[in-house]
């Protein structure tokens, strides 16, 4: 994202965007990519510059936003809550694992952690805005048509979760 930061800034300003989720930031450690008039909340990988997720919040909303939690290890997600709306809005930025690099039990376990977080805020009555690169194959499910390919293990978990929680 480093090479695209000026373009991202221009889009945010021209479109008057208050909240922007970016995945695959390619930053590590405590490095964040600053954009004028935005606060960058981020969750980077510790040891390597791939992956990563950040949420840019315009200054006019940043003071009304609360950082809630982040995923652990390879589970890359970040959660913010805006309590200035009724109901509260919870924003979840997510960069999903590439399923071919993990065993099925690990995929299910990592999804279970994320799903528990989302469910907690749903159960509290919050409105959820959950975006990112899920890296799951959902086939022609969840209102998607003409989507090539079948359903992956993570895709099945995602489909079941959003249906069970009434999110689609």
C-alpha atoms as a PDB file:
ATOM      1  CA  UNK A   1       0.000   0.000   0.000  1.00  0.00           C
ATOM      2  CA  UNK A   2       3.014   2.277   0.518  1.00  0.00           C
ATOM      3  CA  UNK A   3       3.231   3.022  -3.214  1.00  0.00           C
ATOM      4  CA  UNK A   4      -0.531   3.669  -3.412  1.00  0.00           C
ATOM      5  CA  UNK A   5      -0.961   5.880  -0.358  1.00  0.00           C
ATOM      6  CA  UNK A   6      -1.321   9.105  -2.367  1.00  0.00           C
ATOM      7  CA  UNK A   7      -3.948   7.509  -4.623  1.00  0.00           C
ATOM      8  CA  UNK A   8      -5.800   6.170  -1.587  1.00  0.00           C
ATOM      9  CA  UNK A   9      -5.722   9.629   0.003  1.00  0.00           C
ATOM     10  CA  UNK A  10      -7.146  11.189  -3.168  1.00  0.00           C
ATOM     11  CA  UNK A  11     -10.003   8.657  -3.278  1.00  0.00           C
ATOM     12  CA  UNK A  12     -10.834   9.169   0.408  1.00  0.00           C
ATOM     13  CA  UNK A  13     -10.942  12.946  -0.029  1.00  0.00           C
ATOM     14  CA  UNK A  14     -12.741  13.064  -3.387  1.00  0.00           C
ATOM     15  CA  UNK A  15     -15.416  10.593  -2.279  1.00  0.00           C
ATOM     16  CA  UNK A  16     -15.659  12.049   1.263  1.00  0.00           C
ATOM     17  CA  UNK A  17     -15.141   8.625   2.843  1.00  0.00           C
ATOM     18  CA  UNK A  18     -15.328   8.398   6.629  1.00  0.00           C
ATOM     19  CA  UNK A  19     -14.196   4.771   7.125  1.00  0.00           C
ATOM     20  CA  UNK A  20     -11.977   2.731   4.826  1.00  0.00           C
ATOM     21  CA  UNK A  21     -10.813  -0.844   5.350  1.00  0.00           C
ATOM     22  CA  UNK A  22      -7.590  -1.894   3.622  1.00  0.00           C
ATOM     23  CA  UNK A  23      -6.225  -5.436   3.500  1.00  0.00           C
ATOM     24  CA  UNK A  24      -2.801  -6.658   2.423  1.00  0.00           C
ATOM     25  CA  UNK A  25      -1.171  -3.499   3.689  1.00  0.00           C
ATOM     26  CA  UNK A  26       2.255  -5.190   3.451  1.00  0.00           C
ATOM     27  CA  UNK A  27       3.469  -3.533   6.632  1.00  0.00           C
ATOM     28  CA  UNK A  28       4.914  -5.193   9.716  1.00  0.00           C
ATOM     29  CA  UNK A  29       5.367  -4.445  13.362  1.00  0.00           C
ATOM     30  CA  UNK A  30       4.193  -1.008  14.465  1.00  0.00           C
ATOM     31  CA  UNK A  31       4.468   0.636  11.045  1.00  0.00           C
ATOM     32  CA  UNK A  32       1.342   2.390   9.886  1.00  0.00           C
ATOM     33  CA  UNK A  33       0.786   4.448   6.800  1.00  0.00           C
ATOM     34  CA  UNK A  34      -0.460   7.881   7.718  1.00  0.00           C
ATOM     35  CA  UNK A  35      -2.989   9.792   5.647  1.00  0.00           C
ATOM     36  CA  UNK A  36      -3.752  13.430   6.422  1.00  0.00           C
ATOM     37  CA  UNK A  37      -7.041  13.941   8.317  1.00  0.00           C
ATOM     38  CA  UNK A  38      -7.389  10.198   9.079  1.00  0.00           C
ATOM     39  CA  UNK A  39      -6.493   8.024  12.027  1.00  0.00           C
ATOM     40  CA  UNK A  40      -5.074   4.658  11.013  1.00  0.00           C
ATOM     41  CA  UNK A  41      -5.989   1.716  13.223  1.00  0.00           C
ATOM     42  CA  UNK A  42      -3.951  -1.273  12.155  1.00  0.00           C
ATOM     43  CA  UNK A  43      -3.078  -4.882  12.787  1.00  0.00           C
ATOM     44  CA  UNK A  44       0.159  -5.894  11.116  1.00  0.00           C
ATOM     45  CA  UNK A  45       2.059  -9.119  11.050  1.00  0.00           C
ATOM     46  CA  UNK A  46       4.935  -9.192  13.482  1.00  0.00           C
ATOM     47  CA  UNK A  47       7.725 -10.777  11.446  1.00  0.00           C
ATOM     48  CA  UNK A  48       6.973 -10.331   7.761  1.00  0.00           C
ATOM     49  CA  UNK A  49       5.672  -7.660   5.414  1.00  0.00           C
ATOM     50  CA  UNK A  50       2.736  -9.388   3.793  1.00  0.00           C
ATOM     51  CA  UNK A  51      -0.896  -9.456   4.793  1.00  0.00           C
ATOM     52  CA  UNK A  52      -2.026  -6.915   7.357  1.00  0.00           C
ATOM     53  CA  UNK A  53      -5.265  -5.011   7.774  1.00  0.00           C
ATOM     54  CA  UNK A  54      -5.997  -1.405   8.664  1.00  0.00           C
ATOM     55  CA  UNK A  55      -9.016   0.799   9.102  1.00  0.00           C
ATOM     56  CA  UNK A  56      -8.751   4.499   8.281  1.00  0.00           C
ATOM     57  CA  UNK A  57     -11.220   6.684  10.179  1.00  0.00           C
ATOM     58  CA  UNK A  58     -11.689  10.351   9.301  1.00  0.00           C
ATOM     59  CA  UNK A  59     -10.745  12.758  12.082  1.00  0.00           C
ATOM     60  CA  UNK A  60     -14.379  13.897  12.412  1.00  0.00           C
ATOM     61  CA  UNK A  61     -15.332  10.368  13.573  1.00  0.00           C
ATOM     62  CA  UNK A  62     -12.086   9.130  15.113  1.00  0.00           C
ATOM     63  CA  UNK A  63     -12.780  10.642  18.532  1.00  0.00           C
ATOM     64  CA  UNK A  64     -16.125   8.783  18.539  1.00  0.00           C
ATOM     65  CA  UNK A  65     -14.565   5.422  17.793  1.00  0.00           C
ATOM     66  CA  UNK A  66     -13.355   2.743  20.188  1.00  0.00           C
ATOM     67  CA  UNK A  67     -10.723   0.123  19.387  1.00  0.00           C
ATOM     68  CA  UNK A  68     -12.096  -3.202  20.605  1.00  0.00           C
ATOM     69  CA  UNK A  69      -9.957  -6.173  19.669  1.00  0.00           C
ATOM     70  CA  UNK A  70      -7.675  -7.845  17.170  1.00  0.00           C
ATOM     71  CA  UNK A  71      -7.003 -11.389  16.076  1.00  0.00           C
ATOM     72  CA  UNK A  72      -4.036 -13.364  17.358  1.00  0.00           C
ATOM     73  CA  UNK A  73      -1.216 -14.925  15.347  1.00  0.00           C
ATOM     74  CA  UNK A  74      -2.219 -15.585  11.742  1.00  0.00           C
ATOM     75  CA  UNK A  75      -5.831 -14.573  12.402  1.00  0.00           C
ATOM     76  CA  UNK A  76      -5.784 -11.070  10.928  1.00  0.00           C
ATOM     77  CA  UNK A  77      -8.768  -8.994  11.976  1.00  0.00           C
ATOM     78  CA  UNK A  78      -9.356  -5.690  13.697  1.00  0.00           C
ATOM     79  CA  UNK A  79     -12.553  -4.428  15.360  1.00  0.00           C
ATOM     80  CA  UNK A  80     -13.749  -0.867  16.015  1.00  0.00           C
ATOM     81  CA  UNK A  81     -17.044   0.376  17.481  1.00  0.00           C
ATOM     82  CA  UNK A  82     -18.800   3.668  16.835  1.00  0.00           C
ATOM     83  CA  UNK A  83     -21.152   4.412  19.718  1.00  0.00           C
ATOM     84  CA  UNK A  84     -22.386   7.677  18.186  1.00  0.00           C
ATOM     85  CA  UNK A  85     -24.978   5.780  16.126  1.00  0.00           C
ATOM     86  CA  UNK A  86     -28.125   3.934  17.135  1.00  0.00           C
ATOM     87  CA  UNK A  87     -27.568   1.063  17.056  1.00  0.00           C
ATOM     88  CA  UNK A  88     -23.795   1.109  17.543  1.00  0.00           C
ATOM     89  CA  UNK A  89     -21.818   0.299  14.420  1.00  0.00           C
ATOM     90  CA  UNK A  90     -19.062  -2.278  14.740  1.00  0.00           C
ATOM     91  CA  UNK A  91     -16.538  -2.317  11.912  1.00  0.00           C
ATOM     92  CA  UNK A  92     -14.551  -5.513  11.365  1.00  0.00           C
ATOM     93  CA  UNK A  93     -11.614  -5.435   8.961  1.00  0.00           C
ATOM     94  CA  UNK A  94     -10.497  -8.928   7.999  1.00  0.00           C
ATOM     95  CA  UNK A  95      -7.743 -10.503   5.944  1.00  0.00           C
ATOM     96  CA  UNK A  96      -8.434 -14.231   5.781  1.00  0.00           C
ATOM     97  CA  UNK A  97      -5.812 -16.923   5.613  1.00  0.00           C
ATOM     98  CA  UNK A  98      -5.054 -18.654   2.346  1.00  0.00           C
ATOM     99  CA  UNK A  99      -6.731 -21.970   2.941  1.00  0.00           C
ATOM    100  CA  UNK A 100      -4.189 -24.089   1.053  1.00  0.00           C
ATOM    101  CA  UNK A 101      -1.538 -23.093   3.598  1.00  0.00           C
ATOM    102  CA  UNK A 102      -3.388 -24.406   6.670  1.00  0.00           C
ATOM    103  CA  UNK A 103      -4.954 -27.672   7.815  1.00  0.00           C
ATOM    104  CA  UNK A 104      -8.770 -27.867   7.950  1.00  0.00           C
ATOM    105  CA  UNK A 105      -8.845 -27.920  11.764  1.00  0.00           C
ATOM    106  CA  UNK A 106      -6.728 -24.760  11.900  1.00  0.00           C
ATOM    107  CA  UNK A 107      -9.003 -23.014   9.389  1.00  0.00           C
ATOM    108  CA  UNK A 108     -12.080 -23.930  11.438  1.00  0.00           C
ATOM    109  CA  UNK A 109     -10.442 -22.854  14.692  1.00  0.00           C
ATOM    110  CA  UNK A 110      -9.383 -19.478  13.327  1.00  0.00           C
ATOM    111  CA  UNK A 111     -12.839 -18.897  11.877  1.00  0.00           C
ATOM    112  CA  UNK A 112     -14.433 -19.882  15.188  1.00  0.00           C
ATOM    113  CA  UNK A 113     -12.416 -17.144  16.942  1.00  0.00           C
ATOM    114  CA  UNK A 114     -13.535 -14.519  14.429  1.00  0.00           C
ATOM    115  CA  UNK A 115     -17.150 -15.729  14.343  1.00  0.00           C
ATOM    116  CA  UNK A 116     -17.333 -15.583  18.157  1.00  0.00           C
ATOM    117  CA  UNK A 117     -16.244 -11.945  18.058  1.00  0.00           C
ATOM    118  CA  UNK A 118     -18.789 -11.021  15.387  1.00  0.00           C
ATOM    119  CA  UNK A 119     -21.547 -12.957  17.183  1.00  0.00           C
ATOM    120  CA  UNK A 120     -20.785 -11.197  20.463  1.00  0.00           C
ATOM    121  CA  UNK A 121     -21.469  -7.790  18.905  1.00  0.00           C
ATOM    122  CA  UNK A 122     -24.510  -9.047  16.997  1.00  0.00           C
ATOM    123  CA  UNK A 123     -25.919 -10.364  20.274  1.00  0.00           C
ATOM    124  CA  UNK A 124     -25.348  -6.936  21.854  1.00  0.00           C
ATOM    125  CA  UNK A 125     -27.557  -5.467  19.119  1.00  0.00           C
ATOM    126  CA  UNK A 126     -24.782  -3.732  17.200  1.00  0.00           C
ATOM    127  CA  UNK A 127     -24.906  -3.221  13.441  1.00  0.00           C
ATOM    128  CA  UNK A 128     -21.957  -5.054  11.850  1.00  0.00           C
ATOM    129  CA  UNK A 129     -19.919  -3.807   8.893  1.00  0.00           C
ATOM    130  CA  UNK A 130     -17.584  -6.719   8.151  1.00  0.00           C
ATOM    131  CA  UNK A 131     -15.288  -6.271   5.161  1.00  0.00           C
ATOM    132  CA  UNK A 132     -12.014  -7.445   3.767  1.00  0.00           C
ATOM    133  CA  UNK A 133     -10.470 -10.276   1.808  1.00  0.00           C
ATOM    134  CA  UNK A 134     -11.915 -13.479   3.261  1.00  0.00           C
ATOM    135  CA  UNK A 135      -9.912 -15.775   0.949  1.00  0.00           C
ATOM    136  CA  UNK A 136     -12.836 -18.250   1.015  1.00  0.00           C
ATOM    137  CA  UNK A 137     -14.603 -19.882  -1.888  1.00  0.00           C
ATOM    138  CA  UNK A 138     -18.357 -19.636  -1.398  1.00  0.00           C
ATOM    139  CA  UNK A 139     -19.453 -20.752  -4.860  1.00  0.00           C
ATOM    140  CA  UNK A 140     -22.943 -19.646  -5.853  1.00  0.00           C
ATOM    141  CA  UNK A 141     -24.153 -19.067  -2.292  1.00  0.00           C
ATOM    142  CA  UNK A 142     -25.012 -16.048  -0.156  1.00  0.00           C
ATOM    143  CA  UNK A 143     -26.668 -14.240  -3.044  1.00  0.00           C
ATOM    144  CA  UNK A 144     -23.697 -14.651  -5.361  1.00  0.00           C
ATOM    145  CA  UNK A 145     -24.336 -15.972  -8.856  1.00  0.00           C
ATOM    146  CA  UNK A 146     -22.064 -16.940 -11.727  1.00  0.00           C
ATOM    147  CA  UNK A 147     -19.215 -17.413  -9.275  1.00  0.00           C
ATOM    148  CA  UNK A 148     -16.794 -20.027 -10.615  1.00  0.00           C
ATOM    149  CA  UNK A 149     -15.565 -22.863  -8.473  1.00  0.00           C
ATOM    150  CA  UNK A 150     -16.898 -24.835  -5.590  1.00  0.00           C
ATOM    151  CA  UNK A 151     -17.091 -24.228  -1.881  1.00  0.00           C
ATOM    152  CA  UNK A 152     -13.948 -24.466   0.263  1.00  0.00           C
ATOM    153  CA  UNK A 153     -13.783 -25.532   3.921  1.00  0.00           C
ATOM    154  CA  UNK A 154     -13.603 -21.923   5.047  1.00  0.00           C
ATOM    155  CA  UNK A 155     -16.283 -20.971   2.544  1.00  0.00           C
ATOM    156  CA  UNK A 156     -18.635 -23.566   4.046  1.00  0.00           C
ATOM    157  CA  UNK A 157     -17.935 -22.218   7.530  1.00  0.00           C
ATOM    158  CA  UNK A 158     -18.595 -18.642   6.395  1.00  0.00           C
ATOM    159  CA  UNK A 159     -21.808 -19.574   4.570  1.00  0.00           C
ATOM    160  CA  UNK A 160     -23.130 -21.474   7.591  1.00  0.00           C
ATOM    161  CA  UNK A 161     -22.237 -18.661  10.001  1.00  0.00           C
ATOM    162  CA  UNK A 162     -23.826 -15.813   8.057  1.00  0.00           C
ATOM    163  CA  UNK A 163     -26.966 -17.893   7.433  1.00  0.00           C
ATOM    164  CA  UNK A 164     -27.216 -19.001  11.086  1.00  0.00           C
ATOM    165  CA  UNK A 165     -26.841 -15.394  12.259  1.00  0.00           C
ATOM    166  CA  UNK A 166     -29.319 -13.999   9.732  1.00  0.00           C
ATOM    167  CA  UNK A 167     -26.685 -11.832   8.094  1.00  0.00           C
ATOM    168  CA  UNK A 168     -27.914 -12.629   4.567  1.00  0.00           C
END
